[in-house]
Amino acid sequence: MSAAKFTCPVCGFAELPESHLDPTGSPTYSICPCCGVHFGADDVEATHEDLRRAWIAGGAEWWSMNEHAPPGWNADAQLKAAFPDAPRN
């Protein structure tokens, strides 16, 4: 049985090892390796949509220097799959 994967509510990266929220609805303080959002810190005063717009405006580049992007990773395709109706500019 494979471990469950979770999707980042900011960038749509679908390979997070844990949710951004625990079962009680509290932040897990995890960090998305794709967009770099630190849940429970970065999203306290900014919405996920605001953080997404900032990540896109900054070039939508892979954030982590320790965990490499999956082979063939494409930010635009990821965003389209996760947020098909969201603006990308």
N, C-alpha and C. Protein backbone atom coordinates (compact mmCIF):
# COMPACT_ATOMS: atom_id res chain seq x y z
N MET A 1 0.84 -1.17 0.00
CA MET A 1 0.00 0.00 0.00
C MET A 1 0.90 1.25 0.00
N SER A 2 0.61 2.17 -0.90
CA SER A 2 1.42 3.38 -0.97
C SER A 2 0.89 4.43 0.00
N ALA A 3 1.77 5.29 0.42
CA ALA A 3 1.38 6.35 1.35
C ALA A 3 0.49 7.36 0.64
N ALA A 4 -0.45 7.91 1.38
CA ALA A 4 -1.33 8.93 0.82
C ALA A 4 -0.52 10.17 0.45
N LYS A 5 -0.95 10.83 -0.59
CA LYS A 5 -0.32 12.07 -1.03
C LYS A 5 -1.38 13.17 -0.95
N PHE A 6 -0.92 14.38 -0.71
CA PHE A 6 -1.81 15.52 -0.56
C PHE A 6 -1.43 16.61 -1.55
N THR A 7 -2.39 17.45 -1.86
CA THR A 7 -2.17 18.52 -2.83
C THR A 7 -2.02 19.86 -2.12
N CYS A 8 -1.01 20.61 -2.52
CA CYS A 8 -0.78 21.94 -1.96
C CYS A 8 -1.93 22.86 -2.41
N PRO A 9 -2.58 23.54 -1.46
CA PRO A 9 -3.66 24.45 -1.82
C PRO A 9 -3.17 25.75 -2.46
N VAL A 10 -1.88 25.96 -2.48
CA VAL A 10 -1.31 27.17 -3.07
C VAL A 10 -0.91 26.92 -4.52
N CYS A 11 -0.05 25.93 -4.75
CA CYS A 11 0.50 25.72 -6.09
C CYS A 11 -0.06 24.51 -6.82
N GLY A 12 -0.78 23.64 -6.10
CA GLY A 12 -1.34 22.46 -6.73
C GLY A 12 -0.42 21.26 -6.81
N PHE A 13 0.77 21.34 -6.20
CA PHE A 13 1.69 20.20 -6.20
C PHE A 13 0.99 19.04 -5.49
N ALA A 14 0.84 17.93 -6.17
CA ALA A 14 0.02 16.81 -5.68
C ALA A 14 0.80 15.70 -5.00
N GLU A 15 2.02 15.96 -4.57
CA GLU A 15 2.85 14.92 -3.97
C GLU A 15 3.29 15.24 -2.54
N LEU A 16 2.53 16.07 -1.83
CA LEU A 16 2.91 16.37 -0.45
C LEU A 16 2.72 15.13 0.42
N PRO A 17 3.67 14.85 1.32
CA PRO A 17 3.54 13.67 2.18
C PRO A 17 2.52 13.85 3.30
N GLU A 18 2.14 15.10 3.59
CA GLU A 18 1.12 15.35 4.60
C GLU A 18 0.29 16.55 4.19
N SER A 19 -0.91 16.61 4.73
CA SER A 19 -1.81 17.72 4.44
C SER A 19 -1.27 19.00 5.08
N HIS A 20 -1.75 20.13 4.60
CA HIS A 20 -1.36 21.40 5.21
C HIS A 20 -2.09 21.62 6.53
N LEU A 21 -3.16 20.84 6.76
CA LEU A 21 -3.92 20.90 8.02
C LEU A 21 -3.97 19.53 8.66
N ASP A 22 -3.95 19.49 9.99
CA ASP A 22 -4.10 18.21 10.68
C ASP A 22 -5.60 17.90 10.82
N PRO A 23 -5.96 16.75 11.37
CA PRO A 23 -7.38 16.39 11.46
C PRO A 23 -8.23 17.38 12.27
N THR A 24 -7.63 18.17 13.12
CA THR A 24 -8.39 19.16 13.90
C THR A 24 -8.55 20.48 13.16
N GLY A 25 -7.91 20.61 11.99
CA GLY A 25 -7.97 21.85 11.23
C GLY A 25 -6.84 22.82 11.56
N SER A 26 -5.91 22.39 12.38
CA SER A 26 -4.75 23.22 12.72
C SER A 26 -3.64 23.02 11.68
N PRO A 27 -2.83 24.04 11.44
CA PRO A 27 -1.76 23.88 10.45
C PRO A 27 -0.71 22.87 10.89
N THR A 28 -0.14 22.18 9.93
CA THR A 28 0.90 21.19 10.23
C THR A 28 2.29 21.82 10.26
N TYR A 29 2.40 23.06 9.83
CA TYR A 29 3.67 23.77 9.75
C TYR A 29 4.64 23.11 8.77
N SER A 30 4.09 22.34 7.84
CA SER A 30 4.91 21.76 6.79
C SER A 30 5.19 22.82 5.73
N ILE A 31 6.15 22.53 4.87
CA ILE A 31 6.54 23.45 3.80
C ILE A 31 6.42 22.72 2.48
N CYS A 32 5.74 23.36 1.53
CA CYS A 32 5.62 22.77 0.20
C CYS A 32 6.97 22.91 -0.53
N PRO A 33 7.55 21.80 -1.01
CA PRO A 33 8.83 21.90 -1.70
C PRO A 33 8.72 22.60 -3.05
N CYS A 34 7.52 22.68 -3.58
CA CYS A 34 7.33 23.29 -4.89
C CYS A 34 7.27 24.82 -4.79
N CYS A 35 6.35 25.35 -3.99
CA CYS A 35 6.18 26.81 -3.92
C CYS A 35 6.84 27.43 -2.69
N GLY A 36 7.21 26.62 -1.72
CA GLY A 36 7.89 27.12 -0.53
C GLY A 36 6.99 27.69 0.54
N VAL A 37 5.69 27.56 0.39
CA VAL A 37 4.79 28.09 1.42
C VAL A 37 4.91 27.26 2.69
N HIS A 38 5.06 27.98 3.80
CA HIS A 38 5.15 27.38 5.13
C HIS A 38 3.76 27.52 5.76
N PHE A 39 3.04 26.39 5.80
CA PHE A 39 1.68 26.41 6.30
C PHE A 39 1.66 26.70 7.80
N GLY A 40 0.79 27.60 8.19
CA GLY A 40 0.71 28.02 9.57
C GLY A 40 1.57 29.24 9.84
N ALA A 41 2.32 29.68 8.84
CA ALA A 41 3.15 30.88 8.96
C ALA A 41 2.85 31.82 7.80
N ASP A 42 3.18 31.38 6.58
CA ASP A 42 2.96 32.23 5.41
C ASP A 42 1.48 32.48 5.14
N ASP A 43 0.64 31.52 5.49
CA ASP A 43 -0.78 31.67 5.16
C ASP A 43 -1.62 32.20 6.33
N VAL A 44 -0.96 32.81 7.30
CA VAL A 44 -1.69 33.42 8.41
C VAL A 44 -2.27 34.77 7.99
N GLU A 45 -1.48 35.56 7.28
CA GLU A 45 -1.93 36.89 6.89
C GLU A 45 -2.17 37.04 5.39
N ALA A 46 -1.99 35.97 4.65
CA ALA A 46 -2.22 35.98 3.20
C ALA A 46 -3.04 34.75 2.85
N THR A 47 -3.95 34.91 1.90
CA THR A 47 -4.76 33.76 1.47
C THR A 47 -3.93 32.86 0.57
N HIS A 48 -4.40 31.65 0.39
CA HIS A 48 -3.73 30.74 -0.54
C HIS A 48 -3.74 31.32 -1.95
N GLU A 49 -4.81 31.99 -2.31
CA GLU A 49 -4.88 32.62 -3.63
C GLU A 49 -3.84 33.73 -3.76
N ASP A 50 -3.68 34.53 -2.72
CA ASP A 50 -2.66 35.59 -2.74
C ASP A 50 -1.26 34.99 -2.87
N LEU A 51 -1.01 33.94 -2.11
CA LEU A 51 0.29 33.28 -2.16
C LEU A 51 0.53 32.65 -3.53
N ARG A 52 -0.53 32.10 -4.14
CA ARG A 52 -0.41 31.53 -5.48
C ARG A 52 -0.05 32.62 -6.48
N ARG A 53 -0.75 33.76 -6.42
CA ARG A 53 -0.45 34.86 -7.34
C ARG A 53 0.99 35.33 -7.17
N ALA A 54 1.47 35.40 -5.94
CA ALA A 54 2.85 35.84 -5.70
C ALA A 54 3.84 34.82 -6.25
N TRP A 55 3.56 33.53 -6.09
CA TRP A 55 4.45 32.49 -6.62
C TRP A 55 4.50 32.57 -8.15
N ILE A 56 3.33 32.74 -8.77
CA ILE A 56 3.28 32.86 -10.23
C ILE A 56 4.01 34.12 -10.68
N ALA A 57 3.77 35.24 -10.01
CA ALA A 57 4.42 36.51 -10.37
C ALA A 57 5.94 36.41 -10.24
N GLY A 58 6.40 35.56 -9.33
CA GLY A 58 7.84 35.37 -9.13
C GLY A 58 8.45 34.38 -10.10
N GLY A 59 7.66 33.87 -11.03
CA GLY A 59 8.19 32.95 -12.03
C GLY A 59 7.74 31.51 -11.88
N ALA A 60 6.98 31.20 -10.80
CA ALA A 60 6.47 29.84 -10.56
C ALA A 60 7.58 28.80 -10.68
N GLU A 61 8.70 29.07 -10.04
CA GLU A 61 9.84 28.15 -10.09
C GLU A 61 9.80 27.18 -8.91
N TRP A 62 10.42 26.02 -9.11
CA TRP A 62 10.55 25.04 -8.03
C TRP A 62 11.34 25.66 -6.90
N TRP A 63 10.86 25.56 -5.69
CA TRP A 63 11.45 26.27 -4.55
C TRP A 63 12.57 25.49 -3.84
N SER A 64 12.37 24.22 -3.56
CA SER A 64 13.31 23.48 -2.72
C SER A 64 14.64 23.22 -3.42
N MET A 65 15.70 23.44 -2.68
CA MET A 65 17.04 23.14 -3.18
C MET A 65 17.45 21.72 -2.76
N ASN A 66 16.71 21.13 -1.81
CA ASN A 66 17.04 19.80 -1.31
C ASN A 66 16.19 18.70 -1.94
N GLU A 67 14.95 19.00 -2.22
CA GLU A 67 14.05 18.04 -2.85
C GLU A 67 13.82 18.51 -4.28
N HIS A 68 14.32 17.74 -5.22
CA HIS A 68 14.25 18.14 -6.62
C HIS A 68 12.85 17.93 -7.19
N ALA A 69 12.53 18.73 -8.19
CA ALA A 69 11.24 18.59 -8.88
C ALA A 69 11.14 17.22 -9.52
N PRO A 70 9.95 16.67 -9.57
CA PRO A 70 9.78 15.39 -10.25
C PRO A 70 10.17 15.50 -11.73
N PRO A 71 10.61 14.41 -12.34
CA PRO A 71 10.96 14.45 -13.76
C PRO A 71 9.78 14.97 -14.59
N GLY A 72 10.08 15.89 -15.47
CA GLY A 72 9.05 16.43 -16.35
C GLY A 72 8.14 17.45 -15.69
N TRP A 73 8.47 17.87 -14.47
CA TRP A 73 7.62 18.82 -13.75
C TRP A 73 7.42 20.09 -14.57
N ASN A 74 6.18 20.57 -14.60
CA ASN A 74 5.84 21.77 -15.35
C ASN A 74 4.84 22.56 -14.52
N ALA A 75 5.23 23.76 -14.10
CA ALA A 75 4.38 24.58 -13.23
C ALA A 75 3.04 24.89 -13.88
N ASP A 76 3.04 25.26 -15.15
CA ASP A 76 1.79 25.63 -15.80
C ASP A 76 0.83 24.44 -15.86
N ALA A 77 1.33 23.29 -16.23
CA ALA A 77 0.48 22.09 -16.28
C ALA A 77 -0.06 21.75 -14.89
N GLN A 78 0.77 21.89 -13.89
CA GLN A 78 0.35 21.63 -12.51
C GLN A 78 -0.77 22.58 -12.09
N LEU A 79 -0.59 23.85 -12.38
CA LEU A 79 -1.60 24.86 -12.04
C LEU A 79 -2.91 24.61 -12.78
N LYS A 80 -2.81 24.29 -14.06
CA LYS A 80 -4.02 24.02 -14.86
C LYS A 80 -4.77 22.81 -14.32
N ALA A 81 -4.04 21.78 -13.91
CA ALA A 81 -4.68 20.57 -13.39
C ALA A 81 -5.36 20.83 -12.05
N ALA A 82 -4.70 21.59 -11.18
CA ALA A 82 -5.22 21.82 -9.84
C ALA A 82 -6.27 22.92 -9.77
N PHE A 83 -6.11 23.94 -10.59
CA PHE A 83 -6.98 25.12 -10.54
C PHE A 83 -7.40 25.49 -11.95
N PRO A 84 -8.23 24.69 -12.60
CA PRO A 84 -8.53 24.91 -14.02
C PRO A 84 -9.19 26.25 -14.32
N ASP A 85 -9.88 26.84 -13.37
CA ASP A 85 -10.56 28.11 -13.62
C ASP A 85 -9.82 29.33 -13.09
N ALA A 86 -8.67 29.12 -12.47
CA ALA A 86 -7.93 30.24 -11.86
C ALA A 86 -7.12 31.00 -12.90
N PRO A 87 -7.06 32.32 -12.77
CA PRO A 87 -6.20 33.10 -13.67
C PRO A 87 -4.73 32.80 -13.39
N ARG A 88 -3.90 32.88 -14.41
CA ARG A 88 -2.48 32.57 -14.25
C ARG A 88 -1.58 33.77 -14.46
N ASN A 89 -2.11 34.96 -14.25
CA ASN A 89 -1.25 36.15 -14.37
C ASN A 89 -1.67 37.19 -13.38
